[in-house]
Amino acid sequence: QSAPTSIPFNPNNWTIEVLNGSGIGGVAGKAADQFKTLGYQVIKTGNADKSDYQNTQIYLSASLTPFSDQILQSIKTVYPNATLSGNLSTSSPSARIIIGK
C-alpha cells in the first residue's frame, strides 16, 4: 500500500490579510509586499484592533492548520519573532497576520 499523498505547501494557494498592530504607519503595506515576494496572495491590509502587539501573530483557518509548521517557517524568514497565535473562525482569508512592534 502506498502512503496517502499529501498536498505540498504552496503559498500561492492561500490568501492572507496583513494587519498593522505595531502603531507605526505603513507597516502592513510593507509587510504585504514582503509576503507577496514569498508567493502569498495578500487580499487585505489594514489596522489591527489595537496598536500595541508586541510580536507578529499568525492566525490560521482550518484549511491551513496542517501546514502550520511550513507557514510559520516561511513567515519567520521575514518576521523572526512571529508566533502561531490561534485559529480563525472565518474561512476567508486563509491566514491573518498581525504585525507587532
Protein backbone atom coordinates (compact mmCIF):
# COMPACT_ATOMS: atom_id res chain seq x y z
CA GLN A 1 0.00 0.00 0.00
CA SER A 2 1.22 3.44 -0.82
CA ALA A 3 1.16 6.26 1.68
CA PRO A 4 -1.59 8.84 1.18
CA THR A 5 -0.46 11.74 -0.95
CA SER A 6 -0.32 14.97 0.93
CA ILE A 7 -0.79 18.27 -0.83
CA PRO A 8 2.53 20.12 -0.86
CA PHE A 9 2.62 23.51 0.81
CA ASN A 10 2.41 26.27 -1.77
CA PRO A 11 1.96 29.87 -0.53
CA ASN A 12 0.29 30.70 -3.84
CA ASN A 13 -2.73 28.60 -2.84
CA TRP A 14 -3.54 30.72 0.21
CA THR A 15 -4.94 34.17 0.84
CA ILE A 16 -3.73 36.27 3.72
CA GLU A 17 -4.65 39.54 5.30
CA VAL A 18 -1.96 41.66 6.89
CA LEU A 19 -2.89 43.96 9.76
CA ASN A 20 -0.76 46.58 11.44
CA GLY A 21 -0.67 46.04 15.19
CA SER A 22 2.53 47.99 15.79
CA GLY A 23 1.27 51.56 15.87
CA ILE A 24 3.84 52.50 13.19
CA GLY A 25 2.33 53.82 9.96
CA GLY A 26 2.82 51.87 6.74
CA VAL A 27 3.88 48.60 8.37
CA ALA A 28 1.05 46.49 6.93
CA GLY A 29 1.74 47.65 3.36
CA LYS A 30 5.46 46.94 3.67
CA ALA A 31 4.78 43.51 5.17
CA ALA A 32 2.24 42.74 2.43
CA ASP A 33 4.90 43.42 -0.21
CA GLN A 34 7.29 41.03 1.55
CA PHE A 35 4.64 38.30 1.77
CA LYS A 36 3.79 38.73 -1.91
CA THR A 37 7.50 38.17 -2.65
CA LEU A 38 7.20 34.87 -0.74
CA GLY A 39 4.30 33.92 -3.03
CA TYR A 40 1.27 34.62 -0.82
CA GLN A 41 -1.87 36.25 -2.17
CA VAL A 42 -2.46 39.30 0.03
CA ILE A 43 -6.16 40.17 -0.16
CA LYS A 44 -6.33 42.88 2.51
CA THR A 45 -4.15 45.23 4.53
CA GLY A 46 -5.27 47.50 7.33
CA ASN A 47 -5.02 48.26 11.01
CA ALA A 48 -5.44 45.64 13.72
CA ASP A 49 -7.90 46.00 16.61
CA LYS A 50 -5.14 47.56 18.73
CA SER A 51 -1.70 49.05 18.12
CA ASP A 52 0.37 47.52 20.90
CA TYR A 53 1.01 43.96 19.73
CA GLN A 54 4.49 43.01 20.93
CA ASN A 55 5.12 40.21 18.42
CA THR A 56 3.91 39.30 14.98
CA GLN A 57 0.96 36.94 15.36
CA ILE A 58 -0.38 34.43 12.86
CA TYR A 59 -3.96 33.16 12.90
CA LEU A 60 -4.86 30.28 10.58
CA SER A 61 -8.08 29.00 9.07
CA ALA A 62 -8.86 25.31 9.49
CA SER A 63 -7.73 24.62 5.92
CA LEU A 64 -4.21 25.81 6.76
CA THR A 65 -3.80 24.02 10.09
CA PRO A 66 -2.00 21.01 8.51
CA PHE A 67 0.57 23.45 7.10
CA SER A 68 1.14 25.45 10.28
CA ASP A 69 4.82 24.47 10.56
CA GLN A 70 5.60 25.42 6.96
CA ILE A 71 3.73 28.71 7.26
CA LEU A 72 5.48 29.63 10.49
CA GLN A 73 8.89 28.89 8.98
CA SER A 74 8.01 30.89 5.87
CA ILE A 75 6.80 33.94 7.83
CA LYS A 76 9.79 33.75 10.19
CA THR A 77 12.07 34.43 7.22
CA VAL A 78 10.61 37.95 7.29
CA TYR A 79 9.47 38.27 10.92
CA PRO A 80 11.69 36.06 13.12
CA ASN A 81 9.56 36.76 16.22
CA ALA A 82 6.31 35.55 14.61
CA THR A 83 4.19 33.08 16.58
CA LEU A 84 1.15 30.96 15.80
CA SER A 85 -1.49 32.57 17.96
CA GLY A 86 -4.72 30.79 17.16
CA ASN A 87 -7.34 29.84 14.62
CA LEU A 88 -9.63 31.98 12.51
CA SER A 89 -13.33 31.35 12.87
CA THR A 90 -13.93 32.55 9.30
CA SER A 91 -12.94 30.69 6.16
CA SER A 92 -11.59 33.74 4.35
CA PRO A 93 -8.76 34.69 4.45
CA SER A 94 -6.64 31.54 4.88
CA ALA A 95 -4.45 33.40 7.38
CA ARG A 96 -4.39 36.70 9.25
CA ILE A 97 -1.01 38.13 10.16
CA ILE A 98 -0.85 40.93 12.69
CA ILE A 99 2.46 42.76 12.59
CA GLY A 100 3.73 43.68 16.06
CA LYS A 101 6.42 46.03 17.31
